[in-house]
Amino acid sequence: MRYTTGAVALGAALVLGTLATSAQAAAPAQPSRSGGLYAPTELVLTMGQGESRATTTVQRAVTLSCTPVATGSHPDPKSACAQLRAVAGDFNAVTGAPSQRLCTKEWAPVLVTADGVWQGKRVSYTYTFANSCMMAGSSSVFQF
């Protein structure tokens, strides 16, 4: 009797193992979010009052992922990713464009940073705007 019970348990284990292996083999391959078919693009963008990374206290931070689709905690990830794609990920082109706003010339520096990976390449970028008005006139990448 105990040999029959052991044989039934062994048979059930073999059947379940075969089913589990078949299910894994039949599952379609999914590209991973940070690899696979697309070069990874995952960024953390920050903003704070100050002139340098050493002295600035971060006031806001968002995430931005542009591959395979625009997502993240950024308020407008589609627009931000589109702007970065248009300049091939050149943050200088995004922040260095002249502002179309009329702003005072007060010095109240706002530091923005971008750290992470852009299309498979490591990114560490810092830019200081003269004041929040100048920053508000910049691209949508740092509008959060």
N, C-alpha and C. Protein backbone atom coordinates (compact mmCIF):
# COMPACT_ATOMS: atom_id res chain seq x y z
N MET A 1 0.82 -1.19 0.00
CA MET A 1 0.00 0.00 0.00
C MET A 1 0.86 1.26 0.00
N ARG A 2 1.92 1.25 0.86
CA ARG A 2 2.71 2.47 0.90
C ARG A 2 3.50 2.67 -0.39
N TYR A 3 3.81 1.57 -1.14
CA TYR A 3 4.50 1.72 -2.42
C TYR A 3 3.58 2.36 -3.46
N THR A 4 2.30 2.04 -3.39
CA THR A 4 1.32 2.61 -4.31
C THR A 4 1.17 4.10 -4.06
N THR A 5 1.11 4.50 -2.79
CA THR A 5 0.98 5.92 -2.45
C THR A 5 2.21 6.70 -2.92
N GLY A 6 3.40 6.13 -2.72
CA GLY A 6 4.63 6.79 -3.16
C GLY A 6 4.69 6.90 -4.67
N ALA A 7 4.22 5.88 -5.38
CA ALA A 7 4.22 5.90 -6.84
C ALA A 7 3.25 6.97 -7.36
N VAL A 8 2.08 7.08 -6.73
CA VAL A 8 1.10 8.10 -7.13
C VAL A 8 1.67 9.50 -6.89
N ALA A 9 2.32 9.71 -5.75
CA ALA A 9 2.92 11.02 -5.44
C ALA A 9 4.03 11.35 -6.42
N LEU A 10 4.87 10.38 -6.76
CA LEU A 10 5.94 10.59 -7.72
C LEU A 10 5.37 10.91 -9.10
N GLY A 11 4.34 10.19 -9.49
CA GLY A 11 3.71 10.44 -10.79
C GLY A 11 3.11 11.84 -10.86
N ALA A 12 2.44 12.25 -9.78
CA ALA A 12 1.83 13.58 -9.75
C ALA A 12 2.91 14.66 -9.82
N ALA A 13 4.03 14.46 -9.12
CA ALA A 13 5.12 15.43 -9.16
C ALA A 13 5.71 15.54 -10.55
N LEU A 14 5.87 14.41 -11.23
CA LEU A 14 6.40 14.43 -12.60
C LEU A 14 5.45 15.15 -13.56
N VAL A 15 4.15 14.90 -13.43
CA VAL A 15 3.16 15.56 -14.29
C VAL A 15 3.17 17.06 -14.05
N LEU A 16 3.17 17.49 -12.79
CA LEU A 16 3.18 18.92 -12.48
C LEU A 16 4.47 19.57 -12.96
N GLY A 17 5.59 18.90 -12.81
CA GLY A 17 6.87 19.44 -13.29
C GLY A 17 6.88 19.60 -14.79
N THR A 18 6.31 18.64 -15.50
CA THR A 18 6.22 18.72 -16.96
C THR A 18 5.32 19.85 -17.39
N LEU A 19 4.18 20.03 -16.72
CA LEU A 19 3.26 21.12 -17.05
C LEU A 19 3.91 22.47 -16.81
N ALA A 20 4.64 22.63 -15.71
CA ALA A 20 5.29 23.90 -15.40
C ALA A 20 6.36 24.22 -16.44
N THR A 21 7.12 23.21 -16.85
CA THR A 21 8.16 23.42 -17.86
C THR A 21 7.54 23.77 -19.20
N SER A 22 6.43 23.12 -19.56
CA SER A 22 5.75 23.40 -20.82
C SER A 22 5.19 24.81 -20.84
N ALA A 23 4.64 25.26 -19.71
CA ALA A 23 4.08 26.61 -19.64
C ALA A 23 5.16 27.66 -19.80
N GLN A 24 6.34 27.44 -19.22
CA GLN A 24 7.43 28.40 -19.36
C GLN A 24 7.93 28.43 -20.78
N ALA A 25 8.02 27.29 -21.43
CA ALA A 25 8.52 27.23 -22.80
C ALA A 25 7.52 27.86 -23.77
N ALA A 26 6.22 27.77 -23.47
CA ALA A 26 5.20 28.30 -24.37
C ALA A 26 5.00 29.80 -24.20
N ALA A 27 5.47 30.39 -23.10
CA ALA A 27 5.27 31.82 -22.86
C ALA A 27 6.08 32.62 -23.88
N PRO A 28 5.46 33.63 -24.52
CA PRO A 28 6.20 34.44 -25.49
C PRO A 28 7.27 35.27 -24.80
N ALA A 29 8.35 35.49 -25.51
CA ALA A 29 9.45 36.29 -24.95
C ALA A 29 9.03 37.75 -24.89
N GLN A 30 9.21 38.38 -23.76
CA GLN A 30 8.88 39.78 -23.57
C GLN A 30 10.18 40.57 -23.42
N PRO A 31 10.35 41.68 -24.16
CA PRO A 31 11.55 42.48 -23.95
C PRO A 31 11.49 43.10 -22.56
N SER A 32 12.61 43.10 -21.88
CA SER A 32 12.63 43.70 -20.55
C SER A 32 12.59 45.21 -20.69
N ARG A 33 12.17 45.88 -19.65
CA ARG A 33 12.03 47.34 -19.69
C ARG A 33 13.37 48.03 -19.89
N SER A 34 14.42 47.49 -19.30
CA SER A 34 15.71 48.17 -19.39
C SER A 34 16.66 47.50 -20.37
N GLY A 35 16.19 46.54 -21.12
CA GLY A 35 17.09 45.88 -22.05
C GLY A 35 16.30 45.29 -23.18
N GLY A 36 16.80 44.22 -23.75
CA GLY A 36 16.10 43.56 -24.83
C GLY A 36 16.25 44.31 -26.13
N LEU A 37 15.13 44.65 -26.73
CA LEU A 37 15.13 45.28 -28.05
C LEU A 37 15.53 46.75 -28.02
N TYR A 38 15.44 47.39 -26.88
CA TYR A 38 15.67 48.82 -26.80
C TYR A 38 16.86 49.13 -25.91
N ALA A 39 17.62 50.17 -26.27
CA ALA A 39 18.67 50.64 -25.37
C ALA A 39 17.97 51.32 -24.20
N PRO A 40 18.43 51.11 -22.98
CA PRO A 40 17.74 51.67 -21.82
C PRO A 40 17.83 53.19 -21.76
N THR A 41 16.75 53.80 -21.35
CA THR A 41 16.70 55.24 -21.11
C THR A 41 15.91 55.44 -19.83
N GLU A 42 16.61 55.62 -18.74
CA GLU A 42 16.01 55.81 -17.42
C GLU A 42 16.74 56.98 -16.76
N LEU A 43 16.01 58.04 -16.41
CA LEU A 43 16.63 59.23 -15.84
C LEU A 43 15.93 59.63 -14.54
N VAL A 44 16.71 60.25 -13.66
CA VAL A 44 16.17 60.91 -12.47
C VAL A 44 16.51 62.39 -12.64
N LEU A 45 15.49 63.22 -12.67
CA LEU A 45 15.67 64.67 -12.83
C LEU A 45 15.37 65.34 -11.49
N THR A 46 16.23 66.28 -11.09
CA THR A 46 16.01 66.98 -9.83
C THR A 46 16.07 68.48 -10.05
N MET A 47 15.53 69.22 -9.07
CA MET A 47 15.55 70.67 -9.09
C MET A 47 15.67 71.17 -7.65
N GLY A 48 16.47 72.23 -7.46
CA GLY A 48 16.60 72.80 -6.13
C GLY A 48 17.22 74.18 -6.17
N GLN A 49 17.13 74.91 -5.06
CA GLN A 49 17.72 76.24 -4.94
C GLN A 49 19.20 76.10 -4.59
N GLY A 50 20.06 76.76 -5.35
CA GLY A 50 21.48 76.73 -5.06
C GLY A 50 22.32 76.82 -6.32
N GLU A 51 23.64 76.92 -6.12
CA GLU A 51 24.55 77.10 -7.24
C GLU A 51 25.32 75.85 -7.62
N SER A 52 25.44 74.88 -6.73
CA SER A 52 26.21 73.68 -7.04
C SER A 52 25.54 72.47 -6.40
N ARG A 53 25.91 71.29 -6.87
CA ARG A 53 25.35 70.06 -6.30
C ARG A 53 25.68 69.94 -4.81
N ALA A 54 26.85 70.43 -4.43
CA ALA A 54 27.29 70.31 -3.03
C ALA A 54 26.45 71.16 -2.08
N THR A 55 25.94 72.30 -2.55
CA THR A 55 25.23 73.22 -1.66
C THR A 55 23.72 73.26 -1.89
N THR A 56 23.24 72.58 -2.90
CA THR A 56 21.82 72.63 -3.23
C THR A 56 21.03 71.56 -2.50
N THR A 57 19.90 71.96 -1.97
CA THR A 57 18.96 71.01 -1.38
C THR A 57 17.92 70.69 -2.43
N VAL A 58 17.76 69.43 -2.73
CA VAL A 58 16.79 69.02 -3.75
C VAL A 58 15.38 69.31 -3.24
N GLN A 59 14.61 70.04 -4.05
CA GLN A 59 13.23 70.36 -3.69
C GLN A 59 12.24 69.45 -4.39
N ARG A 60 12.58 69.04 -5.62
CA ARG A 60 11.71 68.16 -6.38
C ARG A 60 12.57 67.17 -7.15
N ALA A 61 12.03 65.99 -7.34
CA ALA A 61 12.69 64.96 -8.14
C ALA A 61 11.63 64.14 -8.85
N VAL A 62 11.91 63.79 -10.11
CA VAL A 62 11.00 62.97 -10.89
C VAL A 62 11.81 61.93 -11.65
N THR A 63 11.12 60.90 -12.09
CA THR A 63 11.74 59.90 -12.95
C THR A 63 11.21 60.07 -14.37
N LEU A 64 12.05 59.70 -15.32
CA LEU A 64 11.66 59.79 -16.74
C LEU A 64 12.26 58.59 -17.46
N SER A 65 11.40 57.82 -18.08
CA SER A 65 11.82 56.67 -18.88
C SER A 65 11.27 56.89 -20.28
N CYS A 66 12.16 56.85 -21.28
CA CYS A 66 11.73 57.14 -22.65
C CYS A 66 11.69 55.91 -23.55
N THR A 67 12.06 54.75 -23.04
CA THR A 67 12.12 53.57 -23.87
C THR A 67 11.44 52.41 -23.18
N PRO A 68 10.60 51.68 -23.78
CA PRO A 68 10.09 51.79 -25.14
C PRO A 68 8.99 52.84 -25.29
N VAL A 69 8.34 53.23 -24.20
CA VAL A 69 7.36 54.32 -24.24
C VAL A 69 7.70 55.32 -23.14
N ALA A 70 7.21 56.53 -23.29
CA ALA A 70 7.48 57.58 -22.31
C ALA A 70 6.63 57.37 -21.06
N THR A 71 7.30 57.17 -19.91
CA THR A 71 6.62 56.97 -18.64
C THR A 71 7.44 57.61 -17.53
N GLY A 72 6.95 57.51 -16.32
CA GLY A 72 7.67 58.02 -15.16
C GLY A 72 6.79 58.94 -14.36
N SER A 73 7.37 59.51 -13.31
CA SER A 73 6.62 60.43 -12.47
C SER A 73 6.67 61.87 -13.00
N HIS A 74 7.38 62.10 -14.08
CA HIS A 74 7.41 63.43 -14.73
C HIS A 74 5.98 63.78 -15.15
N PRO A 75 5.54 65.05 -14.96
CA PRO A 75 4.16 65.40 -15.28
C PRO A 75 3.81 65.29 -16.78
N ASP A 76 4.80 65.42 -17.68
CA ASP A 76 4.55 65.30 -19.11
C ASP A 76 5.68 64.50 -19.76
N PRO A 77 5.74 63.19 -19.51
CA PRO A 77 6.86 62.40 -20.02
C PRO A 77 6.94 62.34 -21.54
N LYS A 78 5.81 62.36 -22.23
CA LYS A 78 5.84 62.30 -23.70
C LYS A 78 6.53 63.52 -24.29
N SER A 79 6.18 64.69 -23.82
CA SER A 79 6.79 65.92 -24.32
C SER A 79 8.28 65.99 -23.97
N ALA A 80 8.63 65.62 -22.74
CA ALA A 80 10.03 65.65 -22.31
C ALA A 80 10.88 64.68 -23.13
N CYS A 81 10.37 63.48 -23.36
CA CYS A 81 11.11 62.50 -24.16
C CYS A 81 11.23 62.96 -25.62
N ALA A 82 10.16 63.55 -26.14
CA ALA A 82 10.20 64.05 -27.52
C ALA A 82 11.26 65.14 -27.67
N GLN A 83 11.36 66.04 -26.69
CA GLN A 83 12.37 67.09 -26.76
C GLN A 83 13.78 66.51 -26.67
N LEU A 84 13.98 65.55 -25.81
CA LEU A 84 15.30 64.94 -25.68
C LEU A 84 15.65 64.14 -26.94
N ARG A 85 14.70 63.46 -27.53
CA ARG A 85 14.97 62.73 -28.78
C ARG A 85 15.33 63.70 -29.91
N ALA A 86 14.66 64.85 -29.95
CA ALA A 86 14.90 65.82 -31.02
C ALA A 86 16.33 66.36 -30.99
N VAL A 87 16.96 66.37 -29.81
CA VAL A 87 18.33 66.88 -29.69
C VAL A 87 19.31 65.74 -29.38
N ALA A 88 18.88 64.50 -29.62
CA ALA A 88 19.72 63.32 -29.41
C ALA A 88 20.26 63.24 -27.98
N GLY A 89 19.45 63.64 -27.02
CA GLY A 89 19.83 63.54 -25.60
C GLY A 89 20.82 64.59 -25.15
N ASP A 90 21.02 65.66 -25.92
CA ASP A 90 21.95 66.72 -25.55
C ASP A 90 21.25 67.70 -24.60
N PHE A 91 21.53 67.55 -23.31
CA PHE A 91 20.88 68.41 -22.31
C PHE A 91 21.28 69.87 -22.45
N ASN A 92 22.47 70.15 -22.98
CA ASN A 92 22.88 71.54 -23.21
C ASN A 92 21.96 72.22 -24.21
N ALA A 93 21.53 71.50 -25.22
CA ALA A 93 20.61 72.07 -26.20
C ALA A 93 19.24 72.34 -25.58
N VAL A 94 18.87 71.55 -24.58
CA VAL A 94 17.57 71.71 -23.92
C VAL A 94 17.59 72.91 -22.97
N THR A 95 18.64 73.04 -22.17
CA THR A 95 18.69 74.11 -21.17
C THR A 95 19.31 75.39 -21.69
N GLY A 96 20.14 75.31 -22.72
CA GLY A 96 20.85 76.48 -23.22
C GLY A 96 20.07 77.34 -24.18
N ALA A 97 18.91 76.88 -24.61
CA ALA A 97 18.10 77.67 -25.54
C ALA A 97 17.63 78.95 -24.86
N PRO A 98 17.66 80.07 -25.57
CA PRO A 98 17.23 81.33 -24.94
C PRO A 98 15.75 81.30 -24.56
N SER A 99 15.46 81.85 -23.40
CA SER A 99 14.09 81.89 -22.90
C SER A 99 13.29 82.92 -23.68
N GLN A 100 12.04 82.61 -23.94
CA GLN A 100 11.13 83.52 -24.64
C GLN A 100 10.36 84.38 -23.64
N ARG A 101 10.66 84.22 -22.35
CA ARG A 101 9.96 84.97 -21.31
C ARG A 101 10.76 86.20 -20.94
N LEU A 102 10.05 87.22 -20.48
CA LEU A 102 10.70 88.40 -19.92
C LEU A 102 10.85 88.17 -18.42
N CYS A 103 12.10 88.12 -17.95
CA CYS A 103 12.37 87.84 -16.55
C CYS A 103 13.25 88.93 -15.96
N THR A 104 13.15 89.11 -14.66
CA THR A 104 14.05 90.04 -13.98
C THR A 104 15.46 89.45 -13.96
N LYS A 105 16.43 90.28 -13.64
CA LYS A 105 17.81 89.81 -13.63
C LYS A 105 18.28 89.48 -12.22
N GLU A 106 17.36 89.12 -11.35
CA GLU A 106 17.76 88.76 -9.99
C GLU A 106 18.52 87.44 -9.99
N TRP A 107 19.45 87.30 -9.06
CA TRP A 107 20.23 86.07 -8.92
C TRP A 107 19.64 85.25 -7.78
N ALA A 108 18.86 84.27 -8.12
CA ALA A 108 18.27 83.32 -7.17
C ALA A 108 18.40 81.96 -7.85
N PRO A 109 19.61 81.40 -7.88
CA PRO A 109 19.90 80.25 -8.72
C PRO A 109 19.04 79.02 -8.44
N VAL A 110 18.67 78.37 -9.54
CA VAL A 110 17.92 77.11 -9.50
C VAL A 110 18.78 76.09 -10.24
N LEU A 111 19.16 75.05 -9.53
CA LEU A 111 20.01 74.01 -10.10
C LEU A 111 19.16 72.82 -10.53
N VAL A 112 19.36 72.35 -11.76
CA VAL A 112 18.68 71.16 -12.25
C VAL A 112 19.73 70.10 -12.57
N THR A 113 19.37 68.85 -12.34
CA THR A 113 20.29 67.75 -12.65
C THR A 113 19.54 66.65 -13.40
N ALA A 114 20.30 65.89 -14.15
CA ALA A 114 19.79 64.69 -14.82
C ALA A 114 20.84 63.60 -14.64
N ASP A 115 20.45 62.52 -14.01
CA ASP A 115 21.35 61.39 -13.79
C ASP A 115 20.66 60.11 -14.22
N GLY A 116 21.42 59.23 -14.84
CA GLY A 116 20.87 57.95 -15.26
C GLY A 116 21.50 57.47 -16.54
N VAL A 117 20.65 56.95 -17.44
CA VAL A 117 21.11 56.38 -18.70
C VAL A 117 20.24 56.93 -19.82
N TRP A 118 20.90 57.42 -20.88
CA TRP A 118 20.19 57.87 -22.07
C TRP A 118 20.64 56.99 -23.23
N GLN A 119 19.76 56.22 -23.78
CA GLN A 119 20.00 55.30 -24.89
C GLN A 119 21.27 54.48 -24.68
N GLY A 120 21.39 53.92 -23.48
CA GLY A 120 22.48 53.03 -23.16
C GLY A 120 23.75 53.69 -22.67
N LYS A 121 23.79 55.02 -22.65
CA LYS A 121 24.99 55.74 -22.21
C LYS A 121 24.73 56.47 -20.89
N ARG A 122 25.69 56.39 -19.99
CA ARG A 122 25.58 57.02 -18.66
C ARG A 122 25.52 58.54 -18.82
N VAL A 123 24.62 59.17 -18.05
CA VAL A 123 24.42 60.63 -18.09
C VAL A 123 24.53 61.19 -16.69
N SER A 124 25.26 62.28 -16.55
CA SER A 124 25.28 63.04 -15.30
C SER A 124 25.42 64.50 -15.71
N TYR A 125 24.32 65.24 -15.60
CA TYR A 125 24.26 66.62 -16.12
C TYR A 125 23.80 67.57 -15.03
N THR A 126 24.39 68.75 -15.01
CA THR A 126 24.01 69.80 -14.06
C THR A 126 23.95 71.13 -14.81
N TYR A 127 22.92 71.92 -14.50
CA TYR A 127 22.80 73.26 -15.10
C TYR A 127 22.19 74.19 -14.06
N THR A 128 22.68 75.42 -14.02
CA THR A 128 22.16 76.42 -13.07
C THR A 128 21.47 77.53 -13.84
N PHE A 129 20.16 77.68 -13.58
CA PHE A 129 19.41 78.81 -14.13
C PHE A 129 19.57 79.99 -13.18
N ALA A 130 19.53 81.21 -13.71
CA ALA A 130 19.70 82.40 -12.88
C ALA A 130 18.58 82.54 -11.86
N ASN A 131 17.36 82.15 -12.24
CA ASN A 131 16.23 82.22 -11.33
C ASN A 131 15.10 81.32 -11.85
N SER A 132 14.05 81.19 -11.09
CA SER A 132 12.97 80.28 -11.47
C SER A 132 12.22 80.74 -12.72
N CYS A 133 12.19 82.05 -12.96
CA CYS A 133 11.54 82.56 -14.17
C CYS A 133 12.29 82.09 -15.41
N MET A 134 13.61 82.13 -15.36
CA MET A 134 14.41 81.66 -16.50
C MET A 134 14.21 80.17 -16.72
N MET A 135 14.10 79.42 -15.64
CA MET A 135 13.88 77.99 -15.77
C MET A 135 12.50 77.71 -16.36
N ALA A 136 11.50 78.46 -15.94
CA ALA A 136 10.14 78.24 -16.43
C ALA A 136 10.03 78.50 -17.93
N GLY A 137 10.91 79.31 -18.47
CA GLY A 137 10.90 79.60 -19.90
C GLY A 137 11.68 78.57 -20.71
N SER A 138 12.27 77.58 -20.03
CA SER A 138 13.05 76.57 -20.75
C SER A 138 12.15 75.45 -21.26
N SER A 139 12.74 74.38 -21.69
CA SER A 139 12.02 73.25 -22.26
C SER A 139 11.15 72.54 -21.23
N SER A 140 10.34 71.61 -21.70
CA SER A 140 9.46 70.88 -20.80
C SER A 140 10.19 69.77 -20.03
N VAL A 141 11.45 69.50 -20.36
CA VAL A 141 12.19 68.45 -19.67
C VAL A 141 12.30 68.76 -18.18
N PHE A 142 12.58 70.01 -17.84
CA PHE A 142 12.73 70.40 -16.43
C PHE A 142 11.53 71.15 -15.89
N GLN A 143 10.37 70.95 -16.49
CA GLN A 143 9.14 71.57 -15.99
C GLN A 143 8.39 70.56 -15.12
N PHE A 144 8.72 70.54 -13.85
CA PHE A 144 8.03 69.64 -12.92
C PHE A 144 7.98 70.28 -11.54
